[in-house]
């Protein structure tokens, strides 16, 4: 958290209107950054809320990646099920449950 970019040697804002900032990592995905034009715009509560929101966003992205991976893994199995058509109704339903769900 940077309260005043003009008083912080490490802060190098790309725009002179950026005075204070808040940076929270998103695991290995990058960072979330919030900026304000007035000094001291962010406090510890802002930081905690932002960290919580970023943790939820990262968890949601992780879930989406896992769901996509599962779908990719099921596609070959579904293709095998399609090759085995036609079959008796009960075994076809069982195959659909295994391949599609």
PDB file of N, CA and C in Angstrom:
ATOM      1  N   UNK A   1       0.858  -1.167   0.000  1.00  0.00           N
ATOM      2  CA  UNK A   1       0.000   0.000   0.000  1.00  0.00           C
ATOM      3  C   UNK A   1       0.904   1.230   0.000  1.00  0.00           C
ATOM      4  N   UNK A   2       0.649   2.126  -0.908  1.00  0.00           N
ATOM      5  CA  UNK A   2       1.413   3.366  -1.006  1.00  0.00           C
ATOM      6  C   UNK A   2       0.476   4.519  -0.695  1.00  0.00           C
ATOM      7  N   UNK A   3       0.811   5.255   0.357  1.00  0.00           N
ATOM      8  CA  UNK A   3      -0.047   6.372   0.758  1.00  0.00           C
ATOM      9  C   UNK A   3       0.179   7.617  -0.081  1.00  0.00           C
ATOM     10  N   UNK A   4       1.447   7.842  -0.498  1.00  0.00           N
ATOM     11  CA  UNK A   4       1.744   9.000  -1.323  1.00  0.00           C
ATOM     12  C   UNK A   4       2.902   8.646  -2.248  1.00  0.00           C
ATOM     13  N   UNK A   5       2.604   8.488  -3.516  1.00  0.00           N
ATOM     14  CA  UNK A   5       3.607   8.064  -4.495  1.00  0.00           C
ATOM     15  C   UNK A   5       4.749   9.060  -4.617  1.00  0.00           C
ATOM     16  N   UNK A   6       4.498  10.326  -4.330  1.00  0.00           N
ATOM     17  CA  UNK A   6       5.542  11.341  -4.452  1.00  0.00           C
ATOM     18  C   UNK A   6       6.526  11.300  -3.289  1.00  0.00           C
ATOM     19  N   UNK A   7       6.142  10.643  -2.205  1.00  0.00           N
ATOM     20  CA  UNK A   7       7.015  10.524  -1.040  1.00  0.00           C
ATOM     21  C   UNK A   7       7.623   9.131  -0.907  1.00  0.00           C
ATOM     22  N   UNK A   8       7.319   8.234  -1.819  1.00  0.00           N
ATOM     23  CA  UNK A   8       7.794   6.850  -1.770  1.00  0.00           C
ATOM     24  C   UNK A   8       8.794   6.625  -2.904  1.00  0.00           C
ATOM     25  N   UNK A   9      10.034   6.240  -2.545  1.00  0.00           N
ATOM     26  CA  UNK A   9      11.079   6.061  -3.563  1.00  0.00           C
ATOM     27  C   UNK A   9      10.799   4.886  -4.498  1.00  0.00           C
ATOM     28  N   UNK A  10      10.087   3.866  -4.020  1.00  0.00           N
ATOM     29  CA  UNK A  10       9.818   2.675  -4.830  1.00  0.00           C
ATOM     30  C   UNK A  10       8.649   2.874  -5.794  1.00  0.00           C
ATOM     31  N   UNK A  11       7.771   3.802  -5.490  1.00  0.00           N
ATOM     32  CA  UNK A  11       6.591   4.031  -6.342  1.00  0.00           C
ATOM     33  C   UNK A  11       6.997   4.816  -7.585  1.00  0.00           C
ATOM     34  N   UNK A  12       6.568   4.315  -8.724  1.00  0.00           N
ATOM     35  CA  UNK A  12       6.845   4.983  -9.998  1.00  0.00           C
ATOM     36  C   UNK A  12       5.564   5.001 -10.825  1.00  0.00           C
ATOM     37  N   UNK A  13       4.608   5.858 -10.444  1.00  0.00           N
ATOM     38  CA  UNK A  13       3.338   5.877 -11.183  1.00  0.00           C
ATOM     39  C   UNK A  13       3.527   6.304 -12.631  1.00  0.00           C
ATOM     40  N   UNK A  14       2.774   5.670 -13.511  1.00  0.00           N
ATOM     41  CA  UNK A  14       2.853   5.987 -14.939  1.00  0.00           C
ATOM     42  C   UNK A  14       2.055   7.239 -15.288  1.00  0.00           C
ATOM     43  N   UNK A  15       1.250   7.696 -14.352  1.00  0.00           N
ATOM     44  CA  UNK A  15       0.405   8.868 -14.565  1.00  0.00           C
ATOM     45  C   UNK A  15       0.544   9.769 -13.339  1.00  0.00           C
ATOM     46  N   UNK A  16       0.749  11.044 -13.550  1.00  0.00           N
ATOM     47  CA  UNK A  16       0.951  11.984 -12.440  1.00  0.00           C
ATOM     48  C   UNK A  16      -0.290  12.156 -11.566  1.00  0.00           C
ATOM     49  N   UNK A  17      -1.445  11.739 -12.064  1.00  0.00           N
ATOM     50  CA  UNK A  17      -2.656  11.856 -11.245  1.00  0.00           C
ATOM     51  C   UNK A  17      -2.757  10.735 -10.208  1.00  0.00           C
ATOM     52  N   UNK A  18      -1.916   9.703 -10.333  1.00  0.00           N
ATOM     53  CA  UNK A  18      -1.912   8.595  -9.361  1.00  0.00           C
ATOM     54  C   UNK A  18      -1.062   9.009  -8.175  1.00  0.00           C
ATOM     55  N   UNK A  19      -1.719   9.096  -7.023  1.00  0.00           N
ATOM     56  CA  UNK A  19      -1.018   9.527  -5.817  1.00  0.00           C
ATOM     57  C   UNK A  19      -0.897   8.389  -4.816  1.00  0.00           C
ATOM     58  N   UNK A  20      -1.968   7.650  -4.591  1.00  0.00           N
ATOM     59  CA  UNK A  20      -1.899   6.512  -3.671  1.00  0.00           C
ATOM     60  C   UNK A  20      -2.344   5.253  -4.402  1.00  0.00           C
ATOM     61  N   UNK A  21      -1.867   4.128  -3.887  1.00  0.00           N
ATOM     62  CA  UNK A  21      -2.178   2.877  -4.568  1.00  0.00           C
ATOM     63  C   UNK A  21      -2.248   1.701  -3.623  1.00  0.00           C
ATOM     64  N   UNK A  22      -2.855   0.665  -4.120  1.00  0.00           N
ATOM     65  CA  UNK A  22      -3.044  -0.571  -3.371  1.00  0.00           C
ATOM     66  C   UNK A  22      -2.751  -1.710  -4.326  1.00  0.00           C
ATOM     67  N   UNK A  23      -1.834  -2.605  -3.962  1.00  0.00           N
ATOM     68  CA  UNK A  23      -1.453  -3.722  -4.818  1.00  0.00           C
ATOM     69  C   UNK A  23      -1.603  -5.018  -4.050  1.00  0.00           C
ATOM     70  N   UNK A  24      -2.337  -5.978  -4.636  1.00  0.00           N
ATOM     71  CA  UNK A  24      -2.555  -7.282  -4.006  1.00  0.00           C
ATOM     72  C   UNK A  24      -2.252  -8.364  -5.030  1.00  0.00           C
ATOM     73  N   UNK A  25      -1.388  -9.335  -4.674  1.00  0.00           N
ATOM     74  CA  UNK A  25      -1.071 -10.405  -5.626  1.00  0.00           C
ATOM     75  C   UNK A  25      -2.251 -11.340  -5.859  1.00  0.00           C
ATOM     76  N   UNK A  26      -2.311 -11.882  -7.078  1.00  0.00           N
ATOM     77  CA  UNK A  26      -3.323 -12.880  -7.453  1.00  0.00           C
ATOM     78  C   UNK A  26      -2.599 -14.202  -7.727  1.00  0.00           C
ATOM     79  N   UNK A  27      -1.949 -14.737  -6.716  1.00  0.00           N
ATOM     80  CA  UNK A  27      -1.118 -15.937  -6.838  1.00  0.00           C
ATOM     81  C   UNK A  27      -0.150 -15.761  -8.002  1.00  0.00           C
ATOM     82  N   UNK A  28      -0.058 -16.758  -8.863  1.00  0.00           N
ATOM     83  CA  UNK A  28       0.867 -16.676  -9.988  1.00  0.00           C
ATOM     84  C   UNK A  28       0.223 -16.030 -11.219  1.00  0.00           C
ATOM     85  N   UNK A  29      -0.959 -15.449 -11.059  1.00  0.00           N
ATOM     86  CA  UNK A  29      -1.698 -14.867 -12.178  1.00  0.00           C
ATOM     87  C   UNK A  29      -1.344 -13.400 -12.433  1.00  0.00           C
ATOM     88  N   UNK A  30      -0.788 -12.735 -11.460  1.00  0.00           N
ATOM     89  CA  UNK A  30      -0.495 -11.312 -11.602  1.00  0.00           C
ATOM     90  C   UNK A  30      -0.872 -10.580 -10.331  1.00  0.00           C
ATOM     91  N   UNK A  31      -1.270  -9.325 -10.483  1.00  0.00           N
ATOM     92  CA  UNK A  31      -1.636  -8.506  -9.329  1.00  0.00           C
ATOM     93  C   UNK A  31      -2.882  -7.686  -9.632  1.00  0.00           C
ATOM     94  N   UNK A  32      -3.581  -7.343  -8.564  1.00  0.00           N
ATOM     95  CA  UNK A  32      -4.678  -6.377  -8.640  1.00  0.00           C
ATOM     96  C   UNK A  32      -4.111  -5.059  -8.139  1.00  0.00           C
ATOM     97  N   UNK A  33      -4.390  -3.971  -8.844  1.00  0.00           N
ATOM     98  CA  UNK A  33      -3.940  -2.667  -8.391  1.00  0.00           C
ATOM     99  C   UNK A  33      -5.087  -1.680  -8.409  1.00  0.00           C
ATOM    100  N   UNK A  34      -5.198  -0.942  -7.323  1.00  0.00           N
ATOM    101  CA  UNK A  34      -6.171   0.134  -7.232  1.00  0.00           C
ATOM    102  C   UNK A  34      -5.435   1.446  -7.029  1.00  0.00           C
ATOM    103  N   UNK A  35      -5.924   2.494  -7.645  1.00  0.00           N
ATOM    104  CA  UNK A  35      -5.265   3.788  -7.566  1.00  0.00           C
ATOM    105  C   UNK A  35      -6.260   4.857  -7.145  1.00  0.00           C
ATOM    106  N   UNK A  36      -5.704   5.930  -6.569  1.00  0.00           N
ATOM    107  CA  UNK A  36      -6.520   7.083  -6.213  1.00  0.00           C
ATOM    108  C   UNK A  36      -5.707   8.353  -6.451  1.00  0.00           C
ATOM    109  N   UNK A  37      -6.397   9.444  -6.644  1.00  0.00           N
ATOM    110  CA  UNK A  37      -5.723  10.716  -6.925  1.00  0.00           C
ATOM    111  C   UNK A  37      -5.436  11.525  -5.670  1.00  0.00           C
ATOM    112  N   UNK A  38      -5.867  11.035  -4.515  1.00  0.00           N
ATOM    113  CA  UNK A  38      -5.565  11.757  -3.277  1.00  0.00           C
ATOM    114  C   UNK A  38      -4.680  10.894  -2.369  1.00  0.00           C
ATOM    115  N   UNK A  39      -3.802  11.533  -1.609  1.00  0.00           N
ATOM    116  CA  UNK A  39      -2.909  10.782  -0.718  1.00  0.00           C
ATOM    117  C   UNK A  39      -3.690  10.096   0.406  1.00  0.00           C
ATOM    118  N   UNK A  40      -3.214   8.928   0.817  1.00  0.00           N
ATOM    119  CA  UNK A  40      -3.825   8.219   1.943  1.00  0.00           C
ATOM    120  C   UNK A  40      -5.237   7.730   1.674  1.00  0.00           C
ATOM    121  N   UNK A  41      -5.576   7.473   0.430  1.00  0.00           N
ATOM    122  CA  UNK A  41      -6.944   7.078   0.081  1.00  0.00           C
ATOM    123  C   UNK A  41      -7.298   5.683   0.595  1.00  0.00           C
ATOM    124  N   UNK A  42      -6.302   4.840   0.857  1.00  0.00           N
ATOM    125  CA  UNK A  42      -6.549   3.464   1.284  1.00  0.00           C
ATOM    126  C   UNK A  42      -6.050   3.250   2.708  1.00  0.00           C
ATOM    127  N   UNK A  43      -6.792   2.445   3.458  1.00  0.00           N
ATOM    128  CA  UNK A  43      -6.366   2.104   4.816  1.00  0.00           C
ATOM    129  C   UNK A  43      -6.280   0.579   4.944  1.00  0.00           C
ATOM    130  N   UNK A  44      -5.998   0.100   6.137  1.00  0.00           N
ATOM    131  CA  UNK A  44      -5.853  -1.338   6.374  1.00  0.00           C
ATOM    132  C   UNK A  44      -7.141  -2.097   6.064  1.00  0.00           C
ATOM    133  N   UNK A  45      -8.272  -1.488   6.332  1.00  0.00           N
ATOM    134  CA  UNK A  45      -9.550  -2.143   6.026  1.00  0.00           C
ATOM    135  C   UNK A  45      -9.707  -2.341   4.518  1.00  0.00           C
ATOM    136  N   UNK A  46      -9.354  -1.318   3.741  1.00  0.00           N
ATOM    137  CA  UNK A  46      -9.393  -1.442   2.274  1.00  0.00           C
ATOM    138  C   UNK A  46      -8.486  -2.579   1.817  1.00  0.00           C
ATOM    139  N   UNK A  47      -7.305  -2.660   2.420  1.00  0.00           N
ATOM    140  CA  UNK A  47      -6.367  -3.717   2.061  1.00  0.00           C
ATOM    141  C   UNK A  47      -6.948  -5.089   2.369  1.00  0.00           C
ATOM    142  N   UNK A  48      -7.525  -5.262   3.547  1.00  0.00           N
ATOM    143  CA  UNK A  48      -8.097  -6.566   3.936  1.00  0.00           C
ATOM    144  C   UNK A  48      -9.260  -6.962   3.028  1.00  0.00           C
ATOM    145  N   UNK A  49     -10.134  -6.021   2.724  1.00  0.00           N
ATOM    146  CA  UNK A  49     -11.276  -6.312   1.845  1.00  0.00           C
ATOM    147  C   UNK A  49     -10.770  -6.676   0.442  1.00  0.00           C
ATOM    148  N   UNK A  50      -9.784  -5.946  -0.052  1.00  0.00           N
ATOM    149  CA  UNK A  50      -9.230  -6.230  -1.370  1.00  0.00           C
ATOM    150  C   UNK A  50      -8.558  -7.599  -1.391  1.00  0.00           C
ATOM    151  N   UNK A  51      -7.824  -7.935  -0.331  1.00  0.00           N
ATOM    152  CA  UNK A  51      -7.201  -9.256  -0.242  1.00  0.00           C
ATOM    153  C   UNK A  51      -8.256 -10.360  -0.254  1.00  0.00           C
ATOM    154  N   UNK A  52      -9.346 -10.144   0.457  1.00  0.00           N
ATOM    155  CA  UNK A  52     -10.431 -11.129   0.490  1.00  0.00           C
ATOM    156  C   UNK A  52     -11.059 -11.297  -0.897  1.00  0.00           C
ATOM    157  N   UNK A  53     -11.357 -10.189  -1.561  1.00  0.00           N
ATOM    158  CA  UNK A  53     -11.939 -10.251  -2.901  1.00  0.00           C
ATOM    159  C   UNK A  53     -10.988 -10.924  -3.887  1.00  0.00           C
ATOM    160  N   UNK A  54      -9.715 -10.623  -3.781  1.00  0.00           N
ATOM    161  CA  UNK A  54      -8.723 -11.242  -4.675  1.00  0.00           C
ATOM    162  C   UNK A  54      -8.602 -12.739  -4.402  1.00  0.00           C
ATOM    163  N   UNK A  55      -8.697 -13.142  -3.146  1.00  0.00           N
ATOM    164  CA  UNK A  55      -8.658 -14.570  -2.813  1.00  0.00           C
ATOM    165  C   UNK A  55      -9.860 -15.290  -3.414  1.00  0.00           C
ATOM    166  N   UNK A  56     -11.037 -14.673  -3.346  1.00  0.00           N
ATOM    167  CA  UNK A  56     -12.237 -15.270  -3.954  1.00  0.00           C
ATOM    168  C   UNK A  56     -12.104 -15.345  -5.472  1.00  0.00           C
ATOM    169  N   UNK A  57     -11.581 -14.290  -6.086  1.00  0.00           N
ATOM    170  CA  UNK A  57     -11.404 -14.289  -7.542  1.00  0.00           C
ATOM    171  C   UNK A  57     -10.417 -15.373  -7.965  1.00  0.00           C
ATOM    172  N   UNK A  58      -9.325 -15.514  -7.227  1.00  0.00           N
ATOM    173  CA  UNK A  58      -8.327 -16.536  -7.550  1.00  0.00           C
ATOM    174  C   UNK A  58      -8.912 -17.934  -7.392  1.00  0.00           C
ATOM    175  N   UNK A  59      -9.682 -18.143  -6.328  1.00  0.00           N
ATOM    176  CA  UNK A  59     -10.315 -19.455  -6.120  1.00  0.00           C
ATOM    177  C   UNK A  59     -11.301 -19.770  -7.246  1.00  0.00           C
ATOM    178  N   UNK A  60     -12.054 -18.773  -7.683  1.00  0.00           N
ATOM    179  CA  UNK A  60     -13.004 -18.978  -8.785  1.00  0.00           C
ATOM    180  C   UNK A  60     -12.266 -19.326 -10.080  1.00  0.00           C
ATOM    181  N   UNK A  61     -11.169 -18.646 -10.351  1.00  0.00           N
ATOM    182  CA  UNK A  61     -10.382 -18.956 -11.549  1.00  0.00           C
ATOM    183  C   UNK A  61      -9.788 -20.361 -11.463  1.00  0.00           C
ATOM    184  N   UNK A  62      -9.336 -20.753 -10.276  1.00  0.00           N
ATOM    185  CA  UNK A  62      -8.820 -22.117 -10.079  1.00  0.00           C
ATOM    186  C   UNK A  62      -9.898 -23.156 -10.371  1.00  0.00           C
ATOM    187  N   UNK A  63     -11.126 -22.908  -9.859  1.00  0.00           N
ATOM    188  CA  UNK A  63     -12.235 -23.842 -10.109  1.00  0.00           C
ATOM    189  C   UNK A  63     -12.550 -23.950 -11.594  1.00  0.00           C
ATOM    190  N   UNK A  64     -12.571 -22.814 -12.275  1.00  0.00           N
ATOM    191  CA  UNK A  64     -12.842 -22.828 -13.718  1.00  0.00           C
ATOM    192  C   UNK A  64     -11.785 -23.635 -14.472  1.00  0.00           C
ATOM    193  N   UNK A  65     -10.529 -23.458 -14.108  1.00  0.00           N
ATOM    194  CA  UNK A  65      -9.465 -24.216 -14.767  1.00  0.00           C
ATOM    195  C   UNK A  65      -9.631 -25.714 -14.522  1.00  0.00           C
ATOM    196  N   UNK A  66      -9.982 -26.091 -13.303  1.00  0.00           N
ATOM    197  CA  UNK A  66     -10.172 -27.514 -12.988  1.00  0.00           C
ATOM    198  C   UNK A  66     -11.369 -28.089 -13.731  1.00  0.00           C
ATOM    199  N   UNK A  67     -12.446 -27.324 -13.840  1.00  0.00           N
ATOM    200  CA  UNK A  67     -13.617 -27.781 -14.587  1.00  0.00           C
ATOM    201  C   UNK A  67     -13.273 -27.972 -16.064  1.00  0.00           C
ATOM    202  N   UNK A  68     -12.520 -27.040 -16.630  1.00  0.00           N
ATOM    203  CA  UNK A  68     -12.126 -27.169 -18.032  1.00  0.00           C
ATOM    204  C   UNK A  68     -11.239 -28.389 -18.234  1.00  0.00           C
ATOM    205  N   UNK A  69     -10.345 -28.639 -17.300  1.00  0.00           N
ATOM    206  CA  UNK A  69      -9.475 -29.814 -17.386  1.00  0.00           C
ATOM    207  C   UNK A  69     -10.298 -31.097 -17.331  1.00  0.00           C
ATOM    208  N   UNK A  70     -11.282 -31.153 -16.450  1.00  0.00           N
ATOM    209  CA  UNK A  70     -12.147 -32.333 -16.372  1.00  0.00           C
ATOM    210  C   UNK A  70     -12.918 -32.538 -17.669  1.00  0.00           C
ATOM    211  N   UNK A  71     -13.414 -31.464 -18.247  1.00  0.00           N
ATOM    212  CA  UNK A  71     -14.142 -31.579 -19.515  1.00  0.00           C
ATOM    213  C   UNK A  71     -13.224 -32.093 -20.614  1.00  0.00           C
ATOM    214  N   UNK A  72     -11.984 -31.610 -20.640  1.00  0.00           N
ATOM    215  CA  UNK A  72     -11.037 -32.092 -21.654  1.00  0.00           C
ATOM    216  C   UNK A  72     -10.735 -33.577 -21.472  1.00  0.00           C
ATOM    217  N   UNK A  73     -10.646 -34.009 -20.227  1.00  0.00           N
ATOM    218  CA  UNK A  73     -10.349 -35.415 -19.953  1.00  0.00           C
ATOM    219  C   UNK A  73     -11.521 -36.315 -20.309  1.00  0.00           C
ATOM    220  N   UNK A  74     -12.750 -35.792 -20.198  1.00  0.00           N
ATOM    221  CA  UNK A  74     -13.937 -36.603 -20.495  1.00  0.00           C
ATOM    222  C   UNK A  74     -14.218 -36.695 -21.988  1.00  0.00           C
ATOM    223  N   UNK A  75     -13.728 -35.787 -22.785  1.00  0.00           N
ATOM    224  CA  UNK A  75     -14.013 -35.804 -24.216  1.00  0.00           C
ATOM    225  C   UNK A  75     -13.569 -37.098 -24.892  1.00  0.00           C
ATOM    226  N   UNK A  76     -12.360 -37.619 -24.649  1.00  0.00           N
ATOM    227  CA  UNK A  76     -11.993 -38.893 -25.282  1.00  0.00           C
ATOM    228  C   UNK A  76     -12.902 -40.044 -24.856  1.00  0.00           C
ATOM    229  N   UNK A  77     -13.305 -40.071 -23.586  1.00  0.00           N
ATOM    230  CA  UNK A  77     -14.196 -41.131 -23.111  1.00  0.00           C
ATOM    231  C   UNK A  77     -15.548 -41.042 -23.811  1.00  0.00           C
ATOM    232  N   UNK A  78     -16.043 -39.834 -24.007  1.00  0.00           N
ATOM    233  CA  UNK A  78     -17.313 -39.653 -24.703  1.00  0.00           C
ATOM    234  C   UNK A  78     -17.198 -40.133 -26.151  1.00  0.00           C
ATOM    235  N   UNK A  79     -16.068 -39.865 -26.785  1.00  0.00           N
ATOM    236  CA  UNK A  79     -15.869 -40.314 -28.166  1.00  0.00           C
ATOM    237  C   UNK A  79     -15.910 -41.830 -28.238  1.00  0.00           C
ATOM    238  N   UNK A  80     -15.326 -42.520 -27.263  1.00  0.00           N
ATOM    239  CA  UNK A  80     -15.367 -43.981 -27.228  1.00  0.00           C
ATOM    240  C   UNK A  80     -16.803 -44.446 -27.065  1.00  0.00           C
ATOM    241  N   UNK A  81     -17.568 -43.780 -26.222  1.00  0.00           N
ATOM    242  CA  UNK A  81     -18.978 -44.147 -26.035  1.00  0.00           C
ATOM    243  C   UNK A  81     -19.746 -44.007 -27.345  1.00  0.00           C
ATOM    244  N   UNK A  82     -19.446 -42.975 -28.104  1.00  0.00           N
ATOM    245  CA  UNK A  82     -20.132 -42.761 -29.369  1.00  0.00           C
ATOM    246  C   UNK A  82     -19.812 -43.874 -30.359  1.00  0.00           C
ATOM    247  N   UNK A  83     -18.600 -44.406 -30.307  1.00  0.00           N
ATOM    248  CA  UNK A  83     -18.211 -45.490 -31.210  1.00  0.00           C
ATOM    249  C   UNK A  83     -18.968 -46.779 -30.913  1.00  0.00           C
ATOM    250  N   UNK A  84     -19.401 -46.939 -29.686  1.00  0.00           N
ATOM    251  CA  UNK A  84     -20.048 -48.185 -29.265  1.00  0.00           C
ATOM    252  C   UNK A  84     -21.547 -48.183 -29.534  1.00  0.00           C
ATOM    253  N   UNK A  85     -22.078 -47.167 -30.179  1.00  0.00           N
ATOM    254  CA  UNK A  85     -23.517 -47.102 -30.467  1.00  0.00           C
ATOM    255  C   UNK A  85     -23.841 -48.073 -31.587  1.00  0.00           C
ATOM    256  N   UNK A  86     -25.017 -48.582 -31.769  1.00  0.00           N
ATOM    257  CA  UNK A  86     -26.117 -48.568 -30.798  1.00  0.00           C
ATOM    258  C   UNK A  86     -25.922 -49.651 -29.743  1.00  0.00           C
ATOM    259  N   UNK A  87     -26.597 -49.486 -28.657  1.00  0.00           N
ATOM    260  CA  UNK A  87     -26.537 -50.466 -27.575  1.00  0.00           C
ATOM    261  C   UNK A  87     -27.889 -50.506 -26.881  1.00  0.00           C
ATOM    262  N   UNK A  88     -28.103 -51.470 -26.020  1.00  0.00           N
ATOM    263  CA  UNK A  88     -29.377 -51.537 -25.287  1.00  0.00           C
ATOM    264  C   UNK A  88     -29.580 -50.267 -24.454  1.00  0.00           C
ATOM    265  N   UNK A  89     -30.854 -49.870 -24.276  1.00  0.00           N
ATOM    266  CA  UNK A  89     -31.141 -48.604 -23.588  1.00  0.00           C
ATOM    267  C   UNK A  89     -30.462 -48.461 -22.222  1.00  0.00           C
ATOM    268  N   UNK A  90     -30.454 -49.494 -21.400  1.00  0.00           N
ATOM    269  CA  UNK A  90     -29.863 -49.362 -20.058  1.00  0.00           C
ATOM    270  C   UNK A  90     -28.363 -49.100 -20.124  1.00  0.00           C
ATOM    271  N   UNK A  91     -27.640 -49.823 -20.959  1.00  0.00           N
ATOM    272  CA  UNK A  91     -26.199 -49.591 -21.044  1.00  0.00           C
ATOM    273  C   UNK A  91     -25.900 -48.239 -21.693  1.00  0.00           C
ATOM    274  N   UNK A  92     -26.757 -47.778 -22.590  1.00  0.00           N
ATOM    275  CA  UNK A  92     -26.571 -46.450 -23.190  1.00  0.00           C
ATOM    276  C   UNK A  92     -26.722 -45.371 -22.131  1.00  0.00           C
ATOM    277  N   UNK A  93     -27.724 -45.516 -21.227  1.00  0.00           N
ATOM    278  CA  UNK A  93     -27.907 -44.534 -20.160  1.00  0.00           C
ATOM    279  C   UNK A  93     -26.700 -44.545 -19.217  1.00  0.00           C
ATOM    280  N   UNK A  94     -26.208 -45.742 -18.892  1.00  0.00           N
ATOM    281  CA  UNK A  94     -25.051 -45.845 -18.003  1.00  0.00           C
ATOM    282  C   UNK A  94     -23.835 -45.178 -18.644  1.00  0.00           C
ATOM    283  N   UNK A  95     -23.641 -45.396 -19.925  1.00  0.00           N
ATOM    284  CA  UNK A  95     -22.518 -44.789 -20.633  1.00  0.00           C
ATOM    285  C   UNK A  95     -22.645 -43.270 -20.644  1.00  0.00           C
ATOM    286  N   UNK A  96     -23.847 -42.761 -20.858  1.00  0.00           N
ATOM    287  CA  UNK A  96     -24.053 -41.302 -20.845  1.00  0.00           C
ATOM    288  C   UNK A  96     -23.723 -40.723 -19.479  1.00  0.00           C
ATOM    289  N   UNK A  97     -24.120 -41.423 -18.427  1.00  0.00           N
ATOM    290  CA  UNK A  97     -23.811 -40.914 -17.078  1.00  0.00           C
ATOM    291  C   UNK A  97     -22.311 -40.875 -16.870  1.00  0.00           C
ATOM    292  N   UNK A  98     -21.592 -41.855 -17.339  1.00  0.00           N
ATOM    293  CA  UNK A  98     -20.141 -41.919 -17.159  1.00  0.00           C
ATOM    294  C   UNK A  98     -19.426 -40.900 -18.036  1.00  0.00           C
ATOM    295  N   UNK A  99     -19.875 -40.751 -19.261  1.00  0.00           N
ATOM    296  CA  UNK A  99     -19.162 -39.925 -20.224  1.00  0.00           C
ATOM    297  C   UNK A  99     -19.529 -38.444 -20.157  1.00  0.00           C
ATOM    298  N   UNK A 100     -20.757 -38.143 -19.843  1.00  0.00           N
ATOM    299  CA  UNK A 100     -21.216 -36.757 -19.945  1.00  0.00           C
ATOM    300  C   UNK A 100     -21.221 -36.069 -18.596  1.00  0.00           C
ATOM    301  N   UNK A 101     -21.579 -36.752 -17.548  1.00  0.00           N
ATOM    302  CA  UNK A 101     -21.710 -36.077 -16.246  1.00  0.00           C
ATOM    303  C   UNK A 101     -20.393 -35.697 -15.659  1.00  0.00           C
TER     304      UNK A 101
END
